[in-house]
Each structure stands twice: as structure tokens, then as C-alpha cells.
């Protein structure tokens, strides 16, 4: 009788062992056949794991790898596999890039993932850093836009949402000054796997001009796509609000260097009769953002 009980007990242990092995194998196969990023869409990546950790997870952690139980560990492992090392390497001193959000973005060529990273640690004077990554639907890294949010300026929040005056979604970041920076809201549209700054506004006073030179007071946003005068004019003549606002932001920006000399390219563009006519037309646009930006350019040109 005791022999039969021992055999039954061994069979139960063997069955349980097989079930655990199959469960772990299933989790591995499931993980390997899906895009790991999908489960993180539209979540605040700074607040992934519940606290305290449930008891069952503590028990499973003894036999199952952390990244199968912890969403934070899974995200860290996944980003380590898809991002270039420069964006995952711990900094030598303080701070470091932290994932904030992952969004899904639909383009004409298919779906993309957009990962928003930020480093809010910086010595004063300085600026919070933002990196926006573009990944394809399988999680393959395509490009990244790496930029600062303004001198002596801290990042507060970021959202990816529809903007009526743009006719599309945009990344909107909110900042606050640290001893002289900007309490601002900045709007960035996603254009062919790059970011374009289309509006920079003071929270109290409306639209701000951006700085486009490497001086004592650097501007905000990523590097502008290099264009010649004809290309900037074509962009300004577009009927798409995003194109127009991107052109107005750059043409209306402050391009003076430390010697207060202006950029010859910008001067040449502003002097074109077709550009002057277009600015006058846009100064009466029904789109409030376009109208405000065009009026500001017209006002600056009279000084």
C-alpha cells in the first residue's frame, strides 16, 4: 500500500514538474513570437510595477526569469535589445535617460512605435534632455531625435494627442523655468521619422520665437532639416498646417550669431516677393496659430 502511495505521490510531483516546465516554455515561446513593446503602449513607463509585489510573483520568481514577471524588467531588457547603446548606457555622473511613454503612430507606410525618453537631471544652468525614438512595427530602431527643451528649463510632462489646429497628432511637452528659463508649451509633429517644432508658446504670453544659433542662449527642439531657399519657400506655400507652421517657426526665428549678424539664407528668404506676399496672406489666416506666427514675422520685418 505504501508503495502505491509513493508511486502516486511521485506521479503528482512529476506531473506538476512537467506543468511548470510547459508553462515556462510557453511563456518563452509567447515572448519570442510577439513584439515586446506592444504591451507598453500609452502607459506611464515610470510607474510600471505595483508595490508591494504580490506573493505569487515572489514564489514564481524563484523559477521564472524576472523579465517574465516584472514589466519594468521586461521593458528594460527589450529596450536594451532595440535601442543603440548610447541611449541605454548609464551616465558617468547623475541622471540618465528614462523611458516615459511609448505611443503608436500610423503613417502612410504603416505603423510605428514612438518612444519618449527624458533626462531631467542637469546642473544649473542647463536644460532637460529629450530623445524621441522611431521604431517600426517589429520594434526595429529607425531614427532618434535628441534635443534640449530650453536653457535653464525643466521638463514637466509630455502627451501625444490630436491637435485641432494642426489637423494631426503632436507631441506636446510642458516645461518650467529654473532660474531664468521657459514656462512653456512646445508642439512637435512627426514627419517621416523625424520631429519638427511647429509651435513654441509662453504659458502666459502666447507664441515665442525660437533661437537658431549656437550661442549663449540656445534654442529648443531638434536640429532643423537642412533646406535651401527654394525648399523653405515651397514649404511655406504648402496648404498643410504642419508644413506652414514649421516654415513660419524657422523663418520667424532669431538667427543672429554672437556678433548679432543675421543668417544670409534667412535674410534672402524673407526678402523674396513671393514670401512677403505669402506672409501677408497668412496674417489673415483663419488658423489662429498660423495667423499669430505670420503677424509676428511681419512685425519683426518692420523693425
Protein backbone atom coordinates (compact mmCIF):
# COMPACT_ATOMS: atom_id res chain seq x y z
CA UNK A 1 0.00 0.00 0.00
CA UNK A 2 2.80 2.34 0.91
CA UNK A 3 4.43 1.54 -2.42
CA UNK A 4 1.26 2.57 -4.27
CA UNK A 5 1.06 5.83 -2.31
CA UNK A 6 4.69 6.60 -3.05
CA UNK A 7 4.12 5.94 -6.74
CA UNK A 8 1.05 8.21 -6.74
CA UNK A 9 2.99 10.92 -4.95
CA UNK A 10 5.87 10.66 -7.42
CA UNK A 11 3.41 10.83 -10.29
CA UNK A 12 1.89 14.04 -8.89
CA UNK A 13 5.33 15.59 -8.43
CA UNK A 14 6.29 14.56 -11.94
CA UNK A 15 3.04 15.97 -13.35
CA UNK A 16 3.50 19.26 -11.51
CA UNK A 17 7.09 19.50 -12.73
CA UNK A 18 6.00 18.89 -16.31
CA UNK A 19 3.27 21.53 -16.00
CA UNK A 20 5.75 24.11 -14.68
CA UNK A 21 8.22 23.29 -17.46
CA UNK A 22 5.50 23.57 -20.10
CA UNK A 23 4.26 26.84 -18.61
CA UNK A 24 7.74 28.34 -18.67
CA UNK A 25 8.33 27.05 -22.19
CA UNK A 26 5.01 28.52 -23.26
CA UNK A 27 5.93 31.88 -21.80
CA UNK A 28 9.26 31.81 -23.62
CA UNK A 29 7.59 30.93 -26.93
CA UNK A 30 4.91 33.59 -26.43
CA UNK A 31 7.57 36.16 -25.65
CA UNK A 32 9.66 35.23 -28.67
CA UNK A 33 6.77 35.43 -31.14
CA UNK A 34 5.35 38.85 -30.24
CA UNK A 35 6.62 42.38 -30.22
CA UNK A 36 7.57 43.03 -26.62
CA UNK A 37 6.77 46.72 -26.98
CA UNK A 38 3.05 46.27 -27.67
CA UNK A 39 2.13 45.78 -24.01
CA UNK A 40 3.58 49.18 -23.08
CA UNK A 41 1.54 51.36 -25.44
CA UNK A 42 0.09 54.51 -23.79
CA UNK A 43 1.35 53.60 -20.33
CA UNK A 44 3.36 55.77 -17.98
CA UNK A 45 6.63 53.83 -18.13
CA UNK A 46 7.82 55.46 -14.94
CA UNK A 47 5.13 53.63 -12.95
CA UNK A 48 5.08 50.08 -14.24
CA UNK A 49 5.20 47.64 -11.33
CA UNK A 50 2.71 47.56 -8.45
CA UNK A 51 4.00 47.94 -4.93
CA UNK A 52 4.08 45.74 -2.91
CA UNK A 53 4.84 42.77 -5.20
CA UNK A 54 2.17 40.02 -4.89
CA UNK A 55 3.21 36.86 -3.03
CA UNK A 56 2.63 34.60 -6.03
CA UNK A 57 5.15 36.60 -8.04
CA UNK A 58 7.72 36.21 -5.29
CA UNK A 59 7.26 32.45 -5.45
CA UNK A 60 7.38 32.27 -9.23
CA UNK A 61 10.47 34.48 -9.28
CA UNK A 62 12.42 31.52 -7.90
CA UNK A 63 11.94 29.56 -11.13
CA UNK A 64 10.95 32.17 -13.76
CA UNK A 65 13.25 34.95 -15.06
CA UNK A 66 12.48 38.46 -13.79
CA UNK A 67 11.54 39.83 -17.21
CA UNK A 68 8.60 37.42 -17.44
CA UNK A 69 7.11 38.64 -14.15
CA UNK A 70 8.20 42.26 -13.90
CA UNK A 71 7.01 44.70 -16.54
CA UNK A 72 9.81 47.07 -15.54
CA UNK A 73 12.45 44.36 -16.04
CA UNK A 74 10.83 43.30 -19.32
CA UNK A 75 10.87 46.86 -20.66
CA UNK A 76 14.50 47.36 -19.63
CA UNK A 77 15.51 44.13 -21.36
CA UNK A 78 13.52 44.97 -24.50
CA UNK A 79 14.92 48.50 -24.80
CA UNK A 80 18.40 47.11 -24.28
CA UNK A 81 17.84 44.93 -27.33
CA UNK A 82 16.32 47.53 -29.68
CA UNK A 83 17.94 50.86 -28.78
CA UNK A 84 21.51 51.89 -29.66
CA UNK A 85 23.79 51.52 -26.65
CA UNK A 86 24.28 55.26 -26.30
CA UNK A 87 20.64 55.58 -25.21
CA UNK A 88 20.71 52.79 -22.61
CA UNK A 89 24.19 53.21 -21.16
CA UNK A 90 24.15 54.52 -17.54
CA UNK A 91 25.64 58.02 -17.26
CA UNK A 92 29.02 58.57 -15.63
CA UNK A 93 27.57 61.10 -13.21
CA UNK A 94 23.93 61.57 -12.20
CA UNK A 95 20.67 61.36 -14.09
CA UNK A 96 20.33 59.33 -17.26
CA UNK A 97 17.68 58.78 -19.90
CA UNK A 98 14.47 57.31 -18.53
CA UNK A 99 11.61 55.95 -20.69
CA UNK A 100 8.46 57.98 -20.12
CA UNK A 101 5.97 56.89 -22.78
CA UNK A 102 5.53 54.60 -25.76
CA UNK A 103 2.98 55.61 -28.39
CA UNK A 104 1.66 54.03 -31.56
CA UNK A 105 1.80 56.21 -34.68
CA UNK A 106 0.16 55.36 -38.01
CA UNK A 107 1.91 56.61 -41.15
CA UNK A 108 1.30 56.19 -44.87
CA UNK A 109 3.83 53.35 -44.91
CA UNK A 110 2.50 51.54 -41.86
CA UNK A 111 2.52 51.64 -38.09
CA UNK A 112 5.38 52.92 -35.99
CA UNK A 113 6.28 52.95 -32.33
CA UNK A 114 7.36 56.26 -30.83
CA UNK A 115 9.37 56.05 -27.61
CA UNK A 116 9.76 59.17 -25.47
CA UNK A 117 12.83 59.27 -23.20
CA UNK A 118 13.89 62.10 -20.92
CA UNK A 119 16.75 63.07 -18.64
CA UNK A 120 15.59 65.66 -16.14
CA UNK A 121 18.82 65.74 -14.14
CA UNK A 122 21.10 68.60 -15.10
CA UNK A 123 23.36 71.10 -13.33
CA UNK A 124 22.12 74.68 -13.41
CA UNK A 125 22.40 76.40 -15.77
CA UNK A 126 21.43 73.68 -18.19
CA UNK A 127 18.43 72.00 -19.79
CA UNK A 128 16.40 68.83 -19.57
CA UNK A 129 17.13 66.45 -22.44
CA UNK A 130 14.59 64.62 -24.58
CA UNK A 131 15.13 61.75 -27.01
CA UNK A 132 12.27 60.60 -29.24
CA UNK A 133 12.86 57.25 -30.96
CA UNK A 134 11.12 56.00 -34.07
CA UNK A 135 10.76 52.22 -34.36
CA UNK A 136 8.99 50.10 -36.95
CA UNK A 137 6.09 47.75 -36.13
CA UNK A 138 8.51 44.93 -35.24
CA UNK A 139 10.43 47.14 -32.81
CA UNK A 140 13.43 47.77 -35.08
CA UNK A 141 15.08 51.11 -34.33
CA UNK A 142 14.89 53.59 -37.23
CA UNK A 143 15.96 57.06 -36.08
CA UNK A 144 16.08 59.28 -32.99
CA UNK A 145 15.62 63.00 -32.36
CA UNK A 146 17.82 64.15 -29.48
CA UNK A 147 17.28 67.71 -28.21
CA UNK A 148 17.02 70.10 -25.25
CA UNK A 149 13.88 71.83 -24.05
CA UNK A 150 15.42 75.25 -23.37
CA UNK A 151 18.25 76.83 -21.42
CA UNK A 152 17.61 76.78 -17.65
CA UNK A 153 14.44 74.81 -18.34
CA UNK A 154 12.99 71.64 -16.82
CA UNK A 155 10.65 69.15 -18.45
CA UNK A 156 7.35 68.69 -16.62
CA UNK A 157 5.13 66.49 -18.81
CA UNK A 158 4.59 65.14 -22.32
CA UNK A 159 1.50 63.94 -24.19
CA UNK A 160 0.80 62.63 -27.69
CA UNK A 161 -2.63 63.84 -28.74
CA UNK A 162 -4.74 65.24 -31.57
CA UNK A 163 -4.33 68.96 -32.18
CA UNK A 164 -7.23 70.63 -33.97
CA UNK A 165 -5.17 73.49 -35.42
CA UNK A 166 -2.62 71.06 -36.82
CA UNK A 167 -5.05 68.51 -38.18
CA UNK A 168 -2.97 65.67 -36.75
CA UNK A 169 -1.42 64.34 -33.57
CA UNK A 170 1.55 66.05 -32.00
CA UNK A 171 3.88 65.54 -29.08
CA UNK A 172 3.20 68.37 -26.66
CA UNK A 173 5.69 68.96 -23.87
CA UNK A 174 5.28 71.32 -20.95
CA UNK A 175 8.27 72.92 -19.28
CA UNK A 176 9.02 75.20 -16.35
CA UNK A 177 11.85 77.65 -15.84
CA UNK A 178 14.71 77.08 -13.44
CA UNK A 179 16.28 80.47 -12.70
CA UNK A 180 15.51 82.15 -15.98
CA UNK A 181 14.25 79.56 -18.48
CA UNK A 182 10.84 78.92 -20.01
CA UNK A 183 7.41 78.17 -18.59
CA UNK A 184 6.34 76.92 -21.97
CA UNK A 185 4.40 74.51 -24.11
CA UNK A 186 6.15 73.08 -27.18
CA UNK A 187 4.44 71.28 -30.07
CA UNK A 188 6.27 68.74 -32.21
CA UNK A 189 4.82 66.95 -35.23
CA UNK A 190 6.08 63.61 -36.53
CA UNK A 191 7.32 63.95 -40.10
CA UNK A 192 8.95 60.99 -41.93
CA UNK A 193 10.63 59.56 -38.84
CA UNK A 194 11.74 62.94 -37.55
CA UNK A 195 10.38 65.64 -35.27
CA UNK A 196 9.53 69.16 -36.36
CA UNK A 197 8.94 72.04 -33.94
CA UNK A 198 5.81 73.82 -35.14
CA UNK A 199 4.88 75.96 -32.14
CA UNK A 200 6.67 77.30 -29.07
CA UNK A 201 4.47 79.23 -26.69
CA UNK A 202 4.85 81.00 -23.38
CA UNK A 203 2.19 79.82 -20.94
CA UNK A 204 1.18 83.44 -20.28
CA UNK A 205 2.16 85.48 -23.34
CA UNK A 206 1.44 83.33 -26.39
CA UNK A 207 3.88 82.38 -29.16
CA UNK A 208 7.64 82.68 -28.65
CA UNK A 209 10.41 83.00 -31.22
CA UNK A 210 12.99 80.24 -31.20
CA UNK A 211 16.77 80.72 -31.32
CA UNK A 212 18.64 79.04 -34.18
CA UNK A 213 22.29 79.50 -33.38
CA UNK A 214 24.85 78.01 -31.01
CA UNK A 215 25.30 80.88 -28.63
CA UNK A 216 24.89 81.83 -25.03
CA UNK A 217 21.15 81.23 -25.25
CA UNK A 218 20.47 78.05 -27.25
CA UNK A 219 17.00 77.38 -28.62
CA UNK A 220 14.65 74.46 -28.18
CA UNK A 221 13.93 71.40 -30.25
CA UNK A 222 15.92 69.13 -32.59
CA UNK A 223 18.14 70.26 -35.43
CA UNK A 224 16.17 71.62 -38.37
CA UNK A 225 16.19 69.63 -41.61
CA UNK A 226 18.67 71.40 -43.94
CA UNK A 227 16.88 73.17 -46.79
CA UNK A 228 17.78 75.76 -49.39
CA UNK A 229 15.77 78.93 -50.04
CA UNK A 230 13.54 77.29 -52.66
CA UNK A 231 12.71 74.40 -50.35
CA UNK A 232 11.77 76.73 -47.49
CA UNK A 233 9.57 78.76 -49.82
CA UNK A 234 7.87 75.60 -51.09
CA UNK A 235 7.17 74.53 -47.53
CA UNK A 236 5.68 77.95 -46.75
CA UNK A 237 3.45 77.78 -49.83
CA UNK A 238 2.01 74.43 -48.76
CA UNK A 239 -1.65 74.07 -47.82
CA UNK A 240 -0.86 71.76 -44.90
CA UNK A 241 -0.89 73.50 -41.47
CA UNK A 242 2.09 71.45 -40.24
CA UNK A 243 4.22 72.47 -43.24
CA UNK A 244 3.27 76.12 -42.92
CA UNK A 245 3.89 76.28 -39.19
CA UNK A 246 7.25 74.50 -39.48
CA UNK A 247 8.31 77.06 -42.11
CA UNK A 248 6.98 80.02 -40.11
CA UNK A 249 8.74 78.83 -36.96
CA UNK A 250 12.11 78.74 -38.70
CA UNK A 251 11.72 81.81 -40.93
CA UNK A 252 10.44 83.84 -37.99
CA UNK A 253 13.14 82.65 -35.59
CA UNK A 254 16.11 84.58 -34.22
CA UNK A 255 19.12 83.57 -36.35
CA UNK A 256 21.64 86.15 -35.16
CA UNK A 257 25.03 84.90 -34.01
CA UNK A 258 27.08 86.20 -31.08
CA UNK A 259 28.18 89.20 -33.18
CA UNK A 260 24.48 89.95 -33.84
CA UNK A 261 24.93 89.17 -37.53
CA UNK A 262 21.93 87.55 -39.18
CA UNK A 263 21.92 84.41 -41.31
CA UNK A 264 22.24 85.34 -45.04
CA UNK A 265 19.96 82.46 -46.04
CA UNK A 266 17.16 83.68 -43.76
CA UNK A 267 17.60 87.28 -44.99
CA UNK A 268 17.36 86.10 -48.60
CA UNK A 269 14.20 84.11 -47.94
CA UNK A 270 12.48 86.92 -46.08
CA UNK A 271 13.31 89.34 -48.91
CA UNK A 272 11.65 87.25 -51.62
CA UNK A 273 8.49 88.93 -53.00
CA UNK A 274 6.63 85.60 -53.04
CA UNK A 275 7.49 85.02 -49.38
CA UNK A 276 6.42 88.55 -48.41
CA UNK A 277 3.12 88.08 -50.22
CA UNK A 278 2.58 84.71 -48.59
CA UNK A 279 3.30 86.11 -45.11
CA UNK A 280 0.74 88.87 -45.72
CA UNK A 281 -1.84 86.27 -46.77
CA UNK A 282 -1.14 84.09 -43.76
CA UNK A 283 -1.50 87.09 -41.44
CA UNK A 284 -5.24 86.83 -42.15
CA UNK A 285 -5.45 83.04 -41.91
CA UNK A 286 -8.46 81.55 -40.07
CA UNK A 287 -5.98 79.27 -38.31
CA UNK A 288 -5.07 81.15 -35.12
CA UNK A 289 -1.57 79.64 -34.81
CA UNK A 290 -0.68 80.38 -38.43
CA UNK A 291 -2.07 83.89 -38.19
CA UNK A 292 -0.15 84.64 -34.99
CA UNK A 293 3.15 83.34 -36.40
CA UNK A 294 2.77 85.28 -39.67
CA UNK A 295 1.89 88.52 -37.86
CA UNK A 296 4.95 88.14 -35.67
CA UNK A 297 7.20 87.78 -38.75
CA UNK A 298 5.60 90.83 -40.36
CA UNK A 299 6.11 92.81 -37.17
CA UNK A 300 9.77 91.79 -36.86
CA UNK A 301 10.48 92.69 -40.50
CA UNK A 302 9.42 96.30 -39.82
CA UNK A 303 11.95 96.80 -37.05
